[in-house]
Amino acid sequence: MPEESNHTRTTEQDRRSAHELALRVLTAASNLPKEVALLPGDEPVRESIVRDILDMESTYEPESAAPTTPLEGRWALRFASNGTVVTRPLAAAGSALSRASDVSSSSLPPGVTIEDIVQTISATPTTTRVTNEATVSVGPISFRIVAEGPWEVSPSASSPSSSESESKLYFDEARFQVLGVFGTSTESWPQLPSLPIPFGDMNKASWTTTYLDERVRVQRANTSGNLFVFEREE
């Protein structure tokens, strides 16, 4: 069961400041349209959110936000500083269509809507697994892309002498679910079987949790530096 490690260098004032910044980040991200919050972009409000996260990280020890707060649960993704593996291709398609039509519109292709992106972390006495779900609508069809895999927490490779920890996720299966057509639910329909994840970098991820409390989780991708803001769902 992954829990955040304890640091002694973060003061109570640091904790309060980080908590205030985390709530400000969450509020700003939640007020954004999903096509702004979850796609790559250079909008001023996105840059402001990133600055607040950097301020929080500069005064707060990674993995120390709430040492006794478990990571397990269902977390909704509210912000991604450089998009996600699902939203980046959609953004690229939208940009290509904009260039082709000579329209300076942004984001998603016409008719495409991001409903939500959710990460569920579940633990047993012997293993911890993560399920990532992205729900997208294309015209009259709503579908969900699901990827699952084991979660591992180990000392950070970049600073093995510190108490920071690196989270590693290896996706080992994926599935595609059609949820609805023209407003009619299809969840009772037979679904496609789970498929193996292609080899390569698509099937793995690693990051460091830089803030965690009962409501907010902030993670930084160890390779790309991409920042993710999650909100725990009830």
Protein backbone atom coordinates (compact mmCIF):
# COMPACT_ATOMS: atom_id res chain seq x y z
CA MET A 1 0.00 0.00 0.00
CA PRO A 2 1.85 3.12 -1.17
CA GLU A 3 2.05 5.96 1.34
CA GLU A 4 4.04 9.15 1.24
CA SER A 5 7.30 9.09 3.22
CA ASN A 6 7.91 11.39 6.17
CA HIS A 7 10.22 14.43 6.02
CA THR A 8 11.21 16.62 8.92
CA ARG A 9 12.51 19.62 6.99
CA THR A 10 9.12 20.94 5.94
CA THR A 11 7.73 23.32 8.55
CA GLU A 12 4.09 23.74 9.48
CA GLN A 13 4.12 27.13 7.76
CA ASP A 14 5.41 25.44 4.60
CA ARG A 15 2.56 22.95 4.83
CA ARG A 16 -0.02 25.69 5.14
CA SER A 17 1.48 27.62 2.24
CA ALA A 18 1.59 24.51 0.08
CA HIS A 19 -2.00 23.66 1.00
CA GLU A 20 -3.18 27.15 0.04
CA LEU A 21 -1.32 26.95 -3.27
CA ALA A 22 -2.71 23.48 -3.95
CA LEU A 23 -6.27 24.69 -3.42
CA ARG A 24 -5.62 27.71 -5.65
CA VAL A 25 -4.22 25.45 -8.36
CA LEU A 26 -7.17 23.07 -8.08
CA THR A 27 -9.72 25.90 -8.22
CA ALA A 28 -8.09 27.49 -11.25
CA ALA A 29 -7.78 24.16 -13.06
CA SER A 30 -11.36 23.10 -12.27
CA ASN A 31 -12.69 26.37 -13.69
CA LEU A 32 -11.02 25.75 -17.06
CA PRO A 33 -12.77 24.02 -19.95
CA LYS A 34 -11.37 20.50 -20.28
CA GLU A 35 -9.97 21.26 -23.73
CA VAL A 36 -7.83 23.95 -22.09
CA ALA A 37 -6.94 22.13 -18.86
CA LEU A 38 -6.05 18.76 -20.39
CA LEU A 39 -4.50 19.69 -23.74
CA PRO A 40 -1.11 21.28 -24.41
CA GLY A 41 -1.27 25.06 -24.68
CA ASP A 42 0.28 28.38 -23.75
CA GLU A 43 -2.77 30.20 -22.39
CA PRO A 44 -1.89 32.67 -19.59
CA VAL A 45 -4.09 30.88 -17.08
CA ARG A 46 -2.23 27.62 -17.73
CA GLU A 47 1.10 29.38 -17.23
CA SER A 48 -0.21 30.84 -13.97
CA ILE A 49 -1.16 27.37 -12.72
CA VAL A 50 2.29 26.04 -13.57
CA ARG A 51 3.94 28.95 -11.73
CA ASP A 52 1.88 28.21 -8.62
CA ILE A 53 2.91 24.55 -8.77
CA LEU A 54 6.57 25.51 -9.13
CA ASP A 55 6.25 27.88 -6.15
CA MET A 56 4.73 25.06 -4.13
CA GLU A 57 7.49 22.64 -5.11
CA SER A 58 10.22 25.17 -4.28
CA THR A 59 9.10 25.45 -0.66
CA TYR A 60 7.86 21.93 -0.08
CA GLU A 61 9.69 18.63 0.13
CA PRO A 62 8.42 16.09 -2.42
CA GLU A 63 6.48 13.22 -0.90
CA SER A 64 6.02 15.12 2.38
CA ALA A 65 2.69 16.83 1.92
CA ALA A 66 0.75 14.34 4.00
CA PRO A 67 2.83 11.37 5.13
CA THR A 68 -0.15 9.42 6.40
CA THR A 69 -2.43 10.15 3.46
CA PRO A 70 -2.91 7.08 1.27
CA LEU A 71 -2.72 7.31 -2.50
CA GLU A 72 -5.45 4.72 -2.97
CA GLY A 73 -8.73 5.94 -4.37
CA ARG A 74 -10.34 7.39 -7.45
CA TRP A 75 -8.70 10.58 -8.75
CA ALA A 76 -10.04 12.88 -11.48
CA LEU A 77 -7.39 14.58 -13.61
CA ARG A 78 -8.00 18.34 -13.54
CA PHE A 79 -4.86 19.66 -15.25
CA ALA A 80 -1.96 18.41 -17.37
CA SER A 81 0.72 20.95 -18.25
CA ASN A 82 1.57 19.21 -21.53
CA GLY A 83 -1.53 17.13 -22.12
CA THR A 84 -1.72 13.34 -21.85
CA VAL A 85 -1.13 10.37 -24.14
CA VAL A 86 -4.82 10.56 -25.04
CA THR A 87 -5.25 14.33 -25.41
CA ARG A 88 -2.01 15.17 -27.23
CA PRO A 89 -2.99 13.28 -30.42
CA LEU A 90 -6.42 14.94 -30.31
CA ALA A 91 -4.77 18.35 -29.98
CA ALA A 92 -2.46 17.57 -32.90
CA ALA A 93 -5.44 16.57 -35.04
CA GLY A 94 -7.28 19.76 -34.10
CA SER A 95 -4.25 21.89 -34.96
CA ALA A 96 -3.84 20.15 -38.31
CA LEU A 97 -7.49 20.77 -39.19
CA SER A 98 -7.15 24.41 -38.15
CA ARG A 99 -4.13 24.88 -40.41
CA ALA A 100 -5.86 23.12 -43.29
CA SER A 101 -8.94 25.33 -43.00
CA ASP A 102 -6.89 28.48 -42.27
CA VAL A 103 -8.84 29.02 -39.04
CA SER A 104 -6.94 30.00 -35.91
CA SER A 105 -9.03 27.78 -33.68
CA SER A 106 -7.36 25.74 -31.05
CA SER A 107 -7.84 22.47 -29.61
CA LEU A 108 -10.04 19.55 -30.43
CA PRO A 109 -11.34 18.49 -33.84
CA PRO A 110 -15.00 19.39 -34.46
CA GLY A 111 -17.41 17.05 -32.70
CA VAL A 112 -14.83 15.70 -30.25
CA THR A 113 -15.37 16.20 -26.51
CA ILE A 114 -13.29 15.04 -23.55
CA GLU A 115 -15.73 13.95 -20.86
CA ASP A 116 -13.24 13.01 -18.13
CA ILE A 117 -9.94 11.34 -17.34
CA VAL A 118 -9.81 9.35 -14.11
CA GLN A 119 -7.10 7.34 -12.36
CA THR A 120 -8.04 4.68 -9.82
CA ILE A 121 -5.38 3.28 -7.48
CA SER A 122 -6.37 0.07 -5.70
CA ALA A 123 -4.28 -2.01 -3.30
CA THR A 124 -4.29 -5.50 -1.87
CA PRO A 125 -1.85 -6.92 0.71
CA THR A 126 0.40 -8.11 -2.13
CA THR A 127 0.02 -5.68 -5.02
CA THR A 128 -1.15 -2.24 -6.10
CA ARG A 129 -2.72 -1.59 -9.48
CA VAL A 130 -3.67 1.53 -11.38
CA THR A 131 -6.53 1.94 -13.84
CA ASN A 132 -6.49 4.95 -16.16
CA GLU A 133 -9.77 5.76 -17.90
CA ALA A 134 -10.39 8.42 -20.54
CA THR A 135 -13.98 9.03 -21.65
CA VAL A 136 -14.33 10.76 -25.01
CA SER A 137 -17.27 11.57 -27.29
CA VAL A 138 -16.95 11.74 -31.06
CA GLY A 139 -20.17 12.98 -32.56
CA PRO A 140 -22.98 10.69 -31.37
CA ILE A 141 -20.64 8.01 -30.02
CA SER A 142 -19.27 8.00 -26.48
CA PHE A 143 -16.46 5.62 -25.59
CA ARG A 144 -13.91 4.89 -22.89
CA ILE A 145 -10.24 3.97 -23.24
CA VAL A 146 -8.94 1.97 -20.27
CA ALA A 147 -5.34 1.02 -19.45
CA GLU A 148 -4.31 -0.96 -16.38
CA GLY A 149 -1.08 -2.03 -14.77
CA PRO A 150 0.90 -2.57 -11.57
CA TRP A 151 2.14 0.39 -9.51
CA GLU A 152 5.54 0.30 -7.84
CA VAL A 153 7.14 2.80 -5.47
CA SER A 154 10.92 2.85 -5.11
CA PRO A 155 13.60 5.32 -3.98
CA SER A 156 14.15 8.03 -6.56
CA ALA A 157 16.90 7.11 -9.01
CA SER A 158 17.92 10.76 -9.25
CA SER A 159 18.60 11.07 -5.52
CA PRO A 160 18.81 7.62 -3.91
CA SER A 161 20.03 9.07 -0.61
CA SER A 162 16.89 11.17 -0.15
CA SER A 163 13.49 10.05 1.08
CA GLU A 164 11.78 11.01 -2.14
CA SER A 165 10.15 8.11 -3.92
CA GLU A 166 9.61 7.38 -7.56
CA SER A 167 6.34 5.83 -8.69
CA LYS A 168 6.52 3.49 -11.66
CA LEU A 169 3.56 2.20 -13.61
CA TYR A 170 3.72 -0.56 -16.19
CA PHE A 171 0.55 -0.86 -18.26
CA ASP A 172 -0.04 -4.50 -19.11
CA GLU A 173 -3.52 -4.43 -20.62
CA ALA A 174 -5.95 -2.06 -22.30
CA ARG A 175 -9.52 -2.11 -23.53
CA PHE A 176 -11.93 0.01 -25.51
CA GLN A 177 -15.55 0.35 -24.37
CA VAL A 178 -18.40 1.89 -26.32
CA LEU A 179 -20.62 3.62 -23.75
CA GLY A 180 -23.40 5.14 -25.83
CA VAL A 181 -24.69 5.88 -29.31
CA PHE A 182 -27.09 8.78 -29.92
CA GLY A 183 -27.69 9.03 -26.18
CA THR A 184 -28.55 5.34 -25.76
CA SER A 185 -26.38 3.41 -23.32
CA THR A 186 -24.46 0.48 -24.76
CA GLU A 187 -22.67 -0.59 -21.58
CA SER A 188 -24.66 -3.84 -21.57
CA TRP A 189 -23.40 -4.69 -25.05
CA PRO A 190 -20.59 -7.25 -25.39
CA GLN A 191 -17.28 -5.43 -25.07
CA LEU A 192 -14.01 -5.99 -26.87
CA PRO A 193 -11.53 -8.15 -24.93
CA SER A 194 -8.56 -6.62 -23.16
CA LEU A 195 -5.56 -6.17 -25.41
CA PRO A 196 -1.84 -6.21 -24.64
CA ILE A 197 -0.17 -2.80 -24.57
CA PRO A 198 2.34 -2.30 -27.43
CA PHE A 199 5.97 -2.55 -26.44
CA GLY A 200 7.96 0.63 -26.04
CA ASP A 201 7.55 3.77 -23.99
CA MET A 202 3.75 3.74 -24.34
CA ASN A 203 3.40 1.00 -21.74
CA LYS A 204 5.27 2.62 -18.87
CA ALA A 205 5.43 5.82 -16.89
CA SER A 206 7.31 7.15 -13.88
CA TRP A 207 6.72 10.22 -11.75
CA THR A 208 7.24 11.78 -8.35
CA THR A 209 4.34 12.92 -6.19
CA THR A 210 5.19 16.50 -5.19
CA TYR A 211 2.01 17.19 -3.19
CA LEU A 212 -0.64 15.04 -1.57
CA ASP A 213 -3.48 15.69 0.83
CA GLU A 214 -6.94 14.22 1.27
CA ARG A 215 -8.24 16.13 -1.75
CA VAL A 216 -5.37 17.13 -4.05
CA ARG A 217 -2.49 15.22 -5.63
CA VAL A 218 0.21 16.81 -7.80
CA GLN A 219 2.62 14.67 -9.79
CA ARG A 220 5.63 15.45 -11.96
CA ALA A 221 6.68 13.09 -14.75
CA ASN A 222 10.31 12.18 -14.16
CA THR A 223 11.27 12.18 -17.84
CA SER A 224 9.23 14.96 -19.43
CA GLY A 225 8.54 17.17 -16.40
CA ASN A 226 4.83 17.16 -17.30
CA LEU A 227 2.74 18.27 -14.30
CA PHE A 228 -0.55 16.61 -13.36
CA VAL A 229 -3.14 17.87 -10.88
CA PHE A 230 -5.65 15.32 -9.55
CA GLU A 231 -8.69 15.74 -7.32
CA ARG A 232 -9.88 12.84 -5.20
CA GLU A 233 -13.45 11.86 -5.99
CA GLU A 234 -15.91 11.03 -3.22
